[in-house]
Amino acid sequence: MSLAKQTYEKWGKVQSASLSLAKVLPSPLQVRMEYKVKYEKGDGLEWFIWNTQGDEALLLQYRNSPDSETPAEQK
């Protein structure tokens, strides 16, 4: 939650968001998503990596960057 708070303090409220990338990796089962986000203070990317086991999902990684940057996992 501290990363979400830092993102809010840096960028302000979310004005809109759209899914720009979604991948499912089979072993171990991971879901990777990237959203293009319009905030009060500019445009950015939010990158999520979820690990799933059975009915549970665990957030492994969250990143936020300006829209012009691409997370290292996607390069």
N, C-alpha and C. Protein backbone atom coordinates (compact mmCIF):
# COMPACT_ATOMS: atom_id res chain seq x y z
N MET A 1 0.82 -1.20 0.00
CA MET A 1 0.00 0.00 0.00
C MET A 1 0.86 1.26 0.00
N SER A 2 2.08 1.18 0.51
CA SER A 2 2.92 2.37 0.53
C SER A 2 3.27 2.82 -0.88
N LEU A 3 3.43 1.88 -1.83
CA LEU A 3 3.70 2.27 -3.21
C LEU A 3 2.50 2.98 -3.83
N ALA A 4 1.30 2.52 -3.51
CA ALA A 4 0.10 3.17 -4.00
C ALA A 4 0.00 4.59 -3.44
N LYS A 5 0.35 4.77 -2.19
CA LYS A 5 0.33 6.10 -1.58
C LYS A 5 1.37 7.01 -2.23
N GLN A 6 2.56 6.48 -2.48
CA GLN A 6 3.61 7.26 -3.15
C GLN A 6 3.17 7.67 -4.56
N THR A 7 2.53 6.75 -5.27
CA THR A 7 2.04 7.05 -6.61
C THR A 7 1.01 8.18 -6.55
N TYR A 8 0.10 8.10 -5.60
CA TYR A 8 -0.93 9.13 -5.44
C TYR A 8 -0.28 10.48 -5.12
N GLU A 9 0.68 10.49 -4.21
CA GLU A 9 1.34 11.74 -3.84
C GLU A 9 2.10 12.35 -5.01
N LYS A 10 2.70 11.52 -5.85
CA LYS A 10 3.48 12.01 -6.99
C LYS A 10 2.59 12.46 -8.15
N TRP A 11 1.56 11.67 -8.47
CA TRP A 11 0.77 11.87 -9.69
C TRP A 11 -0.62 12.46 -9.46
N GLY A 12 -1.16 12.33 -8.26
CA GLY A 12 -2.52 12.78 -8.00
C GLY A 12 -3.53 11.69 -8.33
N LYS A 13 -4.78 12.09 -8.42
CA LYS A 13 -5.87 11.14 -8.67
C LYS A 13 -5.82 10.60 -10.09
N VAL A 14 -6.30 9.36 -10.24
CA VAL A 14 -6.43 8.74 -11.57
C VAL A 14 -7.63 9.36 -12.27
N GLN A 15 -7.41 9.85 -13.47
CA GLN A 15 -8.49 10.40 -14.29
C GLN A 15 -9.08 9.32 -15.20
N SER A 16 -8.20 8.47 -15.76
CA SER A 16 -8.64 7.35 -16.59
C SER A 16 -7.51 6.34 -16.69
N ALA A 17 -7.86 5.10 -17.04
CA ALA A 17 -6.86 4.04 -17.21
C ALA A 17 -7.35 3.08 -18.28
N SER A 18 -6.39 2.54 -19.05
CA SER A 18 -6.75 1.54 -20.05
C SER A 18 -5.67 0.46 -20.08
N LEU A 19 -6.11 -0.78 -20.20
CA LEU A 19 -5.20 -1.91 -20.27
C LEU A 19 -4.44 -1.85 -21.58
N SER A 20 -3.11 -1.84 -21.52
CA SER A 20 -2.32 -1.79 -22.75
C SER A 20 -1.56 -3.08 -23.02
N LEU A 21 -1.43 -3.94 -22.01
CA LEU A 21 -0.71 -5.20 -22.19
C LEU A 21 -1.20 -6.20 -21.14
N ALA A 22 -1.42 -7.43 -21.55
CA ALA A 22 -1.76 -8.50 -20.61
C ALA A 22 -1.10 -9.78 -21.11
N LYS A 23 -0.39 -10.45 -20.22
CA LYS A 23 0.27 -11.71 -20.55
C LYS A 23 -0.01 -12.71 -19.43
N VAL A 24 -0.15 -13.96 -19.82
CA VAL A 24 -0.26 -15.04 -18.86
C VAL A 24 0.88 -16.00 -19.13
N LEU A 25 1.71 -16.23 -18.10
CA LEU A 25 2.83 -17.16 -18.20
C LEU A 25 2.43 -18.43 -17.45
N PRO A 26 2.59 -19.61 -18.09
CA PRO A 26 2.04 -20.83 -17.52
C PRO A 26 2.77 -21.44 -16.32
N SER A 27 4.08 -21.28 -16.21
CA SER A 27 4.77 -22.01 -15.13
C SER A 27 5.91 -21.18 -14.55
N PRO A 28 5.81 -20.73 -13.31
CA PRO A 28 4.61 -20.75 -12.48
C PRO A 28 3.58 -19.80 -13.05
N LEU A 29 2.33 -20.04 -12.76
CA LEU A 29 1.25 -19.25 -13.34
C LEU A 29 1.35 -17.80 -12.88
N GLN A 30 1.65 -16.92 -13.82
CA GLN A 30 1.75 -15.49 -13.54
C GLN A 30 0.89 -14.72 -14.53
N VAL A 31 0.35 -13.62 -14.04
CA VAL A 31 -0.40 -12.70 -14.89
C VAL A 31 0.33 -11.36 -14.83
N ARG A 32 0.67 -10.82 -15.99
CA ARG A 32 1.36 -9.53 -16.08
C ARG A 32 0.47 -8.56 -16.83
N MET A 33 0.28 -7.38 -16.25
CA MET A 33 -0.59 -6.38 -16.86
C MET A 33 0.08 -5.01 -16.82
N GLU A 34 -0.15 -4.25 -17.88
CA GLU A 34 0.32 -2.87 -17.93
C GLU A 34 -0.87 -1.98 -18.29
N TYR A 35 -1.01 -0.91 -17.55
CA TYR A 35 -2.08 0.05 -17.80
C TYR A 35 -1.50 1.41 -18.13
N LYS A 36 -2.05 2.05 -19.14
CA LYS A 36 -1.75 3.45 -19.42
C LYS A 36 -2.72 4.26 -18.58
N VAL A 37 -2.16 5.17 -17.78
CA VAL A 37 -2.98 5.89 -16.81
C VAL A 37 -2.82 7.39 -17.01
N LYS A 38 -3.95 8.09 -16.98
CA LYS A 38 -3.93 9.55 -17.01
C LYS A 38 -4.24 10.00 -15.59
N TYR A 39 -3.26 10.70 -15.00
CA TYR A 39 -3.39 11.23 -13.65
C TYR A 39 -3.64 12.73 -13.71
N GLU A 40 -3.92 13.31 -12.57
CA GLU A 40 -4.07 14.77 -12.49
C GLU A 40 -2.80 15.48 -12.94
N LYS A 41 -1.63 14.88 -12.66
CA LYS A 41 -0.35 15.56 -12.90
C LYS A 41 0.43 14.99 -14.07
N GLY A 42 -0.19 14.21 -14.94
CA GLY A 42 0.53 13.69 -16.10
C GLY A 42 0.10 12.27 -16.45
N ASP A 43 0.76 11.72 -17.46
CA ASP A 43 0.47 10.38 -17.94
C ASP A 43 1.54 9.41 -17.45
N GLY A 44 1.11 8.19 -17.14
CA GLY A 44 2.06 7.21 -16.64
C GLY A 44 1.67 5.80 -17.03
N LEU A 45 2.52 4.87 -16.64
CA LEU A 45 2.29 3.45 -16.84
C LEU A 45 2.28 2.78 -15.47
N GLU A 46 1.36 1.86 -15.27
CA GLU A 46 1.36 1.04 -14.07
C GLU A 46 1.52 -0.41 -14.52
N TRP A 47 2.45 -1.10 -13.90
CA TRP A 47 2.82 -2.45 -14.28
C TRP A 47 2.60 -3.37 -13.08
N PHE A 48 1.82 -4.43 -13.25
CA PHE A 48 1.50 -5.37 -12.18
C PHE A 48 1.94 -6.77 -12.59
N ILE A 49 2.52 -7.52 -11.65
CA ILE A 49 2.80 -8.93 -11.86
C ILE A 49 2.16 -9.69 -10.70
N TRP A 50 1.26 -10.60 -11.05
CA TRP A 50 0.54 -11.42 -10.08
C TRP A 50 0.99 -12.86 -10.22
N ASN A 51 1.20 -13.55 -9.10
CA ASN A 51 1.48 -14.97 -9.07
C ASN A 51 0.23 -15.65 -8.53
N THR A 52 -0.24 -16.68 -9.20
CA THR A 52 -1.46 -17.34 -8.76
C THR A 52 -1.18 -18.79 -8.38
N GLN A 53 -1.88 -19.22 -7.34
CA GLN A 53 -1.83 -20.60 -6.90
C GLN A 53 -3.23 -20.98 -6.48
N GLY A 54 -3.85 -21.89 -7.21
CA GLY A 54 -5.23 -22.26 -6.92
C GLY A 54 -6.14 -21.06 -7.10
N ASP A 55 -6.89 -20.72 -6.06
CA ASP A 55 -7.82 -19.59 -6.11
C ASP A 55 -7.21 -18.30 -5.56
N GLU A 56 -5.93 -18.33 -5.20
CA GLU A 56 -5.30 -17.16 -4.60
C GLU A 56 -4.35 -16.48 -5.58
N ALA A 57 -4.30 -15.16 -5.49
CA ALA A 57 -3.37 -14.37 -6.29
C ALA A 57 -2.56 -13.48 -5.36
N LEU A 58 -1.26 -13.41 -5.60
CA LEU A 58 -0.36 -12.61 -4.79
C LEU A 58 0.33 -11.60 -5.70
N LEU A 59 0.26 -10.34 -5.32
CA LEU A 59 0.93 -9.29 -6.10
C LEU A 59 2.43 -9.40 -5.84
N LEU A 60 3.19 -9.76 -6.88
CA LEU A 60 4.63 -9.90 -6.75
C LEU A 60 5.36 -8.58 -7.01
N GLN A 61 4.82 -7.78 -7.93
CA GLN A 61 5.52 -6.55 -8.28
C GLN A 61 4.54 -5.50 -8.78
N TYR A 62 4.79 -4.27 -8.37
CA TYR A 62 4.04 -3.12 -8.87
C TYR A 62 5.05 -2.05 -9.20
N ARG A 63 4.91 -1.45 -10.36
CA ARG A 63 5.78 -0.35 -10.77
C ARG A 63 4.93 0.75 -11.37
N ASN A 64 5.41 1.95 -11.21
CA ASN A 64 4.77 3.12 -11.81
C ASN A 64 5.87 3.94 -12.43
N SER A 65 5.67 4.39 -13.65
CA SER A 65 6.68 5.20 -14.33
C SER A 65 5.99 6.18 -15.27
N PRO A 66 6.72 7.22 -15.68
CA PRO A 66 6.16 8.12 -16.70
C PRO A 66 5.83 7.33 -17.96
N ASP A 67 4.88 7.80 -18.74
CA ASP A 67 4.41 7.10 -19.94
C ASP A 67 5.52 6.83 -20.94
N SER A 68 6.59 7.61 -20.94
CA SER A 68 7.66 7.45 -21.92
C SER A 68 8.60 6.33 -21.55
N GLU A 69 8.51 5.76 -20.34
CA GLU A 69 9.41 4.69 -19.91
C GLU A 69 8.70 3.34 -20.04
N THR A 70 9.49 2.29 -20.20
CA THR A 70 8.97 0.93 -20.28
C THR A 70 9.63 0.09 -19.20
N PRO A 71 8.87 -0.62 -18.38
CA PRO A 71 9.48 -1.47 -17.34
C PRO A 71 10.47 -2.45 -17.94
N ALA A 72 11.51 -2.79 -17.20
CA ALA A 72 12.58 -3.65 -17.68
C ALA A 72 12.09 -5.01 -18.15
N GLU A 73 11.05 -5.57 -17.51
CA GLU A 73 10.55 -6.87 -17.90
C GLU A 73 9.93 -6.89 -19.30
N GLN A 74 9.54 -5.73 -19.78
CA GLN A 74 8.88 -5.68 -21.07
C GLN A 74 9.87 -5.40 -22.20
N LYS A 75 11.04 -4.88 -21.90
CA LYS A 75 12.03 -4.52 -22.93
C LYS A 75 12.56 -5.73 -23.65
